Amino acid sequence: MSYAKKSCIFLHCLPRGDEVSDDVFLGKKSHVWQQALNRVHVQKSILLYCFGKLR
């Protein structure tokens, strides 16, 4: 992240392993939890569609 532009953000698809440090994962530029929340809504919609509740 130290080489990235000032306007960059950090995203991660979870689960987290050893590939990223705590400073980056929990830092001010991290949007990991917002990304995870968006993914939950998409997964819920897919399940509703598969069960015929969303058409």
PDB file of N, CA and C in Angstrom:
ATOM      1  N   MET A   1       0.821  -1.197   0.000  1.00  0.00           N
ATOM      2  CA  MET A   1       0.000   0.000   0.000  1.00  0.00           C
ATOM      3  C   MET A   1       0.859   1.252   0.000  1.00  0.00           C
ATOM      4  N   SER A   2       2.057   1.137   0.504  1.00  0.00           N
ATOM      5  CA  SER A   2       2.920   2.319   0.548  1.00  0.00           C
ATOM      6  C   SER A   2       3.309   2.785  -0.845  1.00  0.00           C
ATOM      7  N   TYR A   3       3.212   1.904  -1.855  1.00  0.00           N
ATOM      8  CA  TYR A   3       3.545   2.277  -3.232  1.00  0.00           C
ATOM      9  C   TYR A   3       2.326   2.737  -4.027  1.00  0.00           C
ATOM     10  N   ALA A   4       1.155   2.556  -3.479  1.00  0.00           N
ATOM     11  CA  ALA A   4      -0.082   2.886  -4.197  1.00  0.00           C
ATOM     12  C   ALA A   4      -0.373   4.383  -4.135  1.00  0.00           C
ATOM     13  N   LYS A   5      -1.260   4.821  -5.023  1.00  0.00           N
ATOM     14  CA  LYS A   5      -1.678   6.223  -5.029  1.00  0.00           C
ATOM     15  C   LYS A   5      -2.390   6.557  -3.732  1.00  0.00           C
ATOM     16  N   LYS A   6      -2.432   7.811  -3.400  1.00  0.00           N
ATOM     17  CA  LYS A   6      -3.081   8.267  -2.156  1.00  0.00           C
ATOM     18  C   LYS A   6      -4.574   7.970  -2.142  1.00  0.00           C
ATOM     19  N   SER A   7      -5.197   7.925  -3.311  1.00  0.00           N
ATOM     20  CA  SER A   7      -6.643   7.725  -3.384  1.00  0.00           C
ATOM     21  C   SER A   7      -7.052   6.248  -3.422  1.00  0.00           C
ATOM     22  N   CYS A   8      -6.106   5.340  -3.324  1.00  0.00           N
ATOM     23  CA  CYS A   8      -6.431   3.917  -3.427  1.00  0.00           C
ATOM     24  C   CYS A   8      -7.182   3.432  -2.191  1.00  0.00           C
ATOM     25  N   ILE A   9      -7.878   2.297  -2.371  1.00  0.00           N
ATOM     26  CA  ILE A   9      -8.536   1.632  -1.251  1.00  0.00           C
ATOM     27  C   ILE A   9      -8.100   0.166  -1.259  1.00  0.00           C
ATOM     28  N   PHE A  10      -8.269  -0.500  -0.134  1.00  0.00           N
ATOM     29  CA  PHE A  10      -7.912  -1.908  -0.029  1.00  0.00           C
ATOM     30  C   PHE A  10      -9.181  -2.740   0.049  1.00  0.00           C
ATOM     31  N   LEU A  11      -9.291  -3.746  -0.832  1.00  0.00           N
ATOM     32  CA  LEU A  11     -10.407  -4.680  -0.840  1.00  0.00           C
ATOM     33  C   LEU A  11      -9.857  -6.093  -0.682  1.00  0.00           C
ATOM     34  N   HIS A  12     -10.637  -6.954  -0.076  1.00  0.00           N
ATOM     35  CA  HIS A  12     -10.228  -8.348   0.109  1.00  0.00           C
ATOM     36  C   HIS A  12     -11.481  -9.201   0.110  1.00  0.00           C
ATOM     37  N   CYS A  13     -11.420 -10.387  -0.504  1.00  0.00           N
ATOM     38  CA  CYS A  13     -12.624 -11.205  -0.646  1.00  0.00           C
ATOM     39  C   CYS A  13     -12.914 -12.087   0.573  1.00  0.00           C
ATOM     40  N   LEU A  14     -12.055 -12.136   1.546  1.00  0.00           N
ATOM     41  CA  LEU A  14     -12.202 -12.925   2.758  1.00  0.00           C
ATOM     42  C   LEU A  14     -12.343 -14.417   2.442  1.00  0.00           C
ATOM     43  N   PRO A  15     -11.990 -15.328   3.230  1.00  0.00           N
ATOM     44  CA  PRO A  15     -11.407 -15.125   4.554  1.00  0.00           C
ATOM     45  C   PRO A  15      -9.964 -14.672   4.447  1.00  0.00           C
ATOM     46  N   ARG A  16      -9.530 -14.052   5.458  1.00  0.00           N
ATOM     47  CA  ARG A  16      -8.199 -13.474   5.479  1.00  0.00           C
ATOM     48  C   ARG A  16      -7.177 -14.510   5.942  1.00  0.00           C
ATOM     49  N   GLY A  17      -6.061 -14.526   5.274  1.00  0.00           N
ATOM     50  CA  GLY A  17      -4.963 -15.408   5.653  1.00  0.00           C
ATOM     51  C   GLY A  17      -3.761 -14.579   6.077  1.00  0.00           C
ATOM     52  N   ASP A  18      -2.594 -15.081   5.785  1.00  0.00           N
ATOM     53  CA  ASP A  18      -1.354 -14.389   6.140  1.00  0.00           C
ATOM     54  C   ASP A  18      -0.848 -13.470   5.040  1.00  0.00           C
ATOM     55  N   GLU A  19      -1.636 -13.289   3.988  1.00  0.00           N
ATOM     56  CA  GLU A  19      -1.149 -12.525   2.838  1.00  0.00           C
ATOM     57  C   GLU A  19      -1.209 -11.015   3.031  1.00  0.00           C
ATOM     58  N   VAL A  20      -1.838 -10.552   4.089  1.00  0.00           N
ATOM     59  CA  VAL A  20      -1.956  -9.109   4.310  1.00  0.00           C
ATOM     60  C   VAL A  20      -1.741  -8.816   5.797  1.00  0.00           C
ATOM     61  N   SER A  21      -1.103  -7.700   6.050  1.00  0.00           N
ATOM     62  CA  SER A  21      -0.803  -7.337   7.443  1.00  0.00           C
ATOM     63  C   SER A  21      -2.025  -6.721   8.132  1.00  0.00           C
ATOM     64  N   ASP A  22      -1.988  -6.706   9.445  1.00  0.00           N
ATOM     65  CA  ASP A  22      -3.064  -6.065  10.219  1.00  0.00           C
ATOM     66  C   ASP A  22      -3.177  -4.586   9.888  1.00  0.00           C
ATOM     67  N   ASP A  23      -2.048  -3.927   9.680  1.00  0.00           N
ATOM     68  CA  ASP A  23      -2.056  -2.491   9.382  1.00  0.00           C
ATOM     69  C   ASP A  23      -2.851  -2.186   8.116  1.00  0.00           C
ATOM     70  N   VAL A  24      -2.703  -3.018   7.106  1.00  0.00           N
ATOM     71  CA  VAL A  24      -3.419  -2.804   5.850  1.00  0.00           C
ATOM     72  C   VAL A  24      -4.872  -3.261   5.991  1.00  0.00           C
ATOM     73  N   PHE A  25      -5.079  -4.451   6.539  1.00  0.00           N
ATOM     74  CA  PHE A  25      -6.425  -5.027   6.631  1.00  0.00           C
ATOM     75  C   PHE A  25      -7.356  -4.188   7.499  1.00  0.00           C
ATOM     76  N   LEU A  26      -6.840  -3.628   8.556  1.00  0.00           N
ATOM     77  CA  LEU A  26      -7.657  -2.838   9.480  1.00  0.00           C
ATOM     78  C   LEU A  26      -7.438  -1.339   9.331  1.00  0.00           C
ATOM     79  N   GLY A  27      -6.681  -0.945   8.326  1.00  0.00           N
ATOM     80  CA  GLY A  27      -6.306   0.451   8.147  1.00  0.00           C
ATOM     81  C   GLY A  27      -7.430   1.340   7.639  1.00  0.00           C
ATOM     82  N   LYS A  28      -7.131   2.613   7.546  1.00  0.00           N
ATOM     83  CA  LYS A  28      -8.117   3.617   7.122  1.00  0.00           C
ATOM     84  C   LYS A  28      -8.556   3.442   5.677  1.00  0.00           C
ATOM     85  N   LYS A  29      -7.715   2.848   4.834  1.00  0.00           N
ATOM     86  CA  LYS A  29      -8.051   2.674   3.426  1.00  0.00           C
ATOM     87  C   LYS A  29      -8.720   1.336   3.143  1.00  0.00           C
ATOM     88  N   SER A  30      -8.965   0.559   4.173  1.00  0.00           N
ATOM     89  CA  SER A  30      -9.584  -0.750   4.007  1.00  0.00           C
ATOM     90  C   SER A  30     -11.093  -0.618   3.892  1.00  0.00           C
ATOM     91  N   HIS A  31     -11.645  -1.266   2.868  1.00  0.00           N
ATOM     92  CA  HIS A  31     -13.094  -1.308   2.660  1.00  0.00           C
ATOM     93  C   HIS A  31     -13.561  -2.762   2.649  1.00  0.00           C
ATOM     94  N   VAL A  32     -12.871  -3.596   3.384  1.00  0.00           N
ATOM     95  CA  VAL A  32     -13.142  -5.028   3.399  1.00  0.00           C
ATOM     96  C   VAL A  32     -14.543  -5.328   3.912  1.00  0.00           C
ATOM     97  N   TRP A  33     -14.960  -4.693   4.985  1.00  0.00           N
ATOM     98  CA  TRP A  33     -16.260  -5.026   5.581  1.00  0.00           C
ATOM     99  C   TRP A  33     -17.407  -4.510   4.735  1.00  0.00           C
ATOM    100  N   GLN A  34     -17.244  -3.373   4.072  1.00  0.00           N
ATOM    101  CA  GLN A  34     -18.290  -2.890   3.162  1.00  0.00           C
ATOM    102  C   GLN A  34     -18.425  -3.851   1.981  1.00  0.00           C
ATOM    103  N   GLN A  35     -17.278  -4.342   1.482  1.00  0.00           N
ATOM    104  CA  GLN A  35     -17.289  -5.290   0.380  1.00  0.00           C
ATOM    105  C   GLN A  35     -17.994  -6.582   0.803  1.00  0.00           C
ATOM    106  N   ALA A  36     -17.718  -7.055   2.001  1.00  0.00           N
ATOM    107  CA  ALA A  36     -18.342  -8.287   2.499  1.00  0.00           C
ATOM    108  C   ALA A  36     -19.853  -8.106   2.647  1.00  0.00           C
ATOM    109  N   LEU A  37     -20.286  -6.970   3.135  1.00  0.00           N
ATOM    110  CA  LEU A  37     -21.719  -6.706   3.278  1.00  0.00           C
ATOM    111  C   LEU A  37     -22.413  -6.698   1.920  1.00  0.00           C
ATOM    112  N   ASN A  38     -21.803  -6.092   0.923  1.00  0.00           N
ATOM    113  CA  ASN A  38     -22.373  -6.097  -0.429  1.00  0.00           C
ATOM    114  C   ASN A  38     -22.501  -7.524  -0.950  1.00  0.00           C
ATOM    115  N   ARG A  39     -21.499  -8.348  -0.678  1.00  0.00           N
ATOM    116  CA  ARG A  39     -21.521  -9.730  -1.137  1.00  0.00           C
ATOM    117  C   ARG A  39     -22.664 -10.510  -0.465  1.00  0.00           C
ATOM    118  N   VAL A  40     -22.951 -10.231   0.795  1.00  0.00           N
ATOM    119  CA  VAL A  40     -24.047 -10.901   1.502  1.00  0.00           C
ATOM    120  C   VAL A  40     -25.372 -10.632   0.801  1.00  0.00           C
ATOM    121  N   HIS A  41     -25.607  -9.401   0.406  1.00  0.00           N
ATOM    122  CA  HIS A  41     -26.858  -9.054  -0.267  1.00  0.00           C
ATOM    123  C   HIS A  41     -26.973  -9.775  -1.612  1.00  0.00           C
ATOM    124  N   VAL A  42     -25.894  -9.872  -2.330  1.00  0.00           N
ATOM    125  CA  VAL A  42     -25.905 -10.584  -3.613  1.00  0.00           C
ATOM    126  C   VAL A  42     -26.187 -12.070  -3.385  1.00  0.00           C
ATOM    127  N   GLN A  43     -25.544 -12.664  -2.404  1.00  0.00           N
ATOM    128  CA  GLN A  43     -25.753 -14.085  -2.121  1.00  0.00           C
ATOM    129  C   GLN A  43     -27.193 -14.356  -1.686  1.00  0.00           C
ATOM    130  N   LYS A  44     -27.775 -13.467  -0.900  1.00  0.00           N
ATOM    131  CA  LYS A  44     -29.170 -13.627  -0.489  1.00  0.00           C
ATOM    132  C   LYS A  44     -30.098 -13.566  -1.699  1.00  0.00           C
ATOM    133  N   SER A  45     -29.825 -12.669  -2.621  1.00  0.00           N
ATOM    134  CA  SER A  45     -30.645 -12.551  -3.828  1.00  0.00           C
ATOM    135  C   SER A  45     -30.542 -13.795  -4.689  1.00  0.00           C
ATOM    136  N   ILE A  46     -29.364 -14.354  -4.793  1.00  0.00           N
ATOM    137  CA  ILE A  46     -29.182 -15.584  -5.569  1.00  0.00           C
ATOM    138  C   ILE A  46     -29.976 -16.724  -4.947  1.00  0.00           C
ATOM    139  N   LEU A  47     -29.932 -16.855  -3.638  1.00  0.00           N
ATOM    140  CA  LEU A  47     -30.691 -17.906  -2.964  1.00  0.00           C
ATOM    141  C   LEU A  47     -32.198 -17.719  -3.163  1.00  0.00           C
ATOM    142  N   LEU A  48     -32.671 -16.493  -3.025  1.00  0.00           N
ATOM    143  CA  LEU A  48     -34.097 -16.230  -3.243  1.00  0.00           C
ATOM    144  C   LEU A  48     -34.512 -16.588  -4.664  1.00  0.00           C
ATOM    145  N   TYR A  49     -33.681 -16.251  -5.616  1.00  0.00           N
ATOM    146  CA  TYR A  49     -33.966 -16.588  -7.023  1.00  0.00           C
ATOM    147  C   TYR A  49     -34.018 -18.106  -7.213  1.00  0.00           C
ATOM    148  N   CYS A  50     -33.037 -18.805  -6.632  1.00  0.00           N
ATOM    149  CA  CYS A  50     -32.967 -20.268  -6.779  1.00  0.00           C
ATOM    150  C   CYS A  50     -34.179 -20.955  -6.146  1.00  0.00           C
ATOM    151  N   PHE A  51     -34.718 -20.415  -5.080  1.00  0.00           N
ATOM    152  CA  PHE A  51     -35.877 -21.003  -4.428  1.00  0.00           C
ATOM    153  C   PHE A  51     -37.202 -20.467  -4.973  1.00  0.00           C
ATOM    154  N   GLY A  52     -37.135 -19.698  -6.039  1.00  0.00           N
ATOM    155  CA  GLY A  52     -38.346 -19.223  -6.692  1.00  0.00           C
ATOM    156  C   GLY A  52     -39.046 -18.082  -5.983  1.00  0.00           C
ATOM    157  N   LYS A  53     -38.390 -17.426  -5.046  1.00  0.00           N
ATOM    158  CA  LYS A  53     -39.004 -16.331  -4.297  1.00  0.00           C
ATOM    159  C   LYS A  53     -38.761 -14.980  -4.959  1.00  0.00           C
ATOM    160  N   LEU A  54     -37.900 -14.967  -5.958  1.00  0.00           N
ATOM    161  CA  LEU A  54     -37.538 -13.707  -6.611  1.00  0.00           C
ATOM    162  C   LEU A  54     -37.580 -13.948  -8.106  1.00  0.00           C
ATOM    163  N   ARG A  55     -38.474 -13.299  -8.768  1.00  0.00           N
ATOM    164  CA  ARG A  55     -38.606 -13.469 -10.244  1.00  0.00           C
ATOM    165  C   ARG A  55     -38.772 -12.143 -10.900  1.00  0.00           C
TER     166      ARG A  55
END
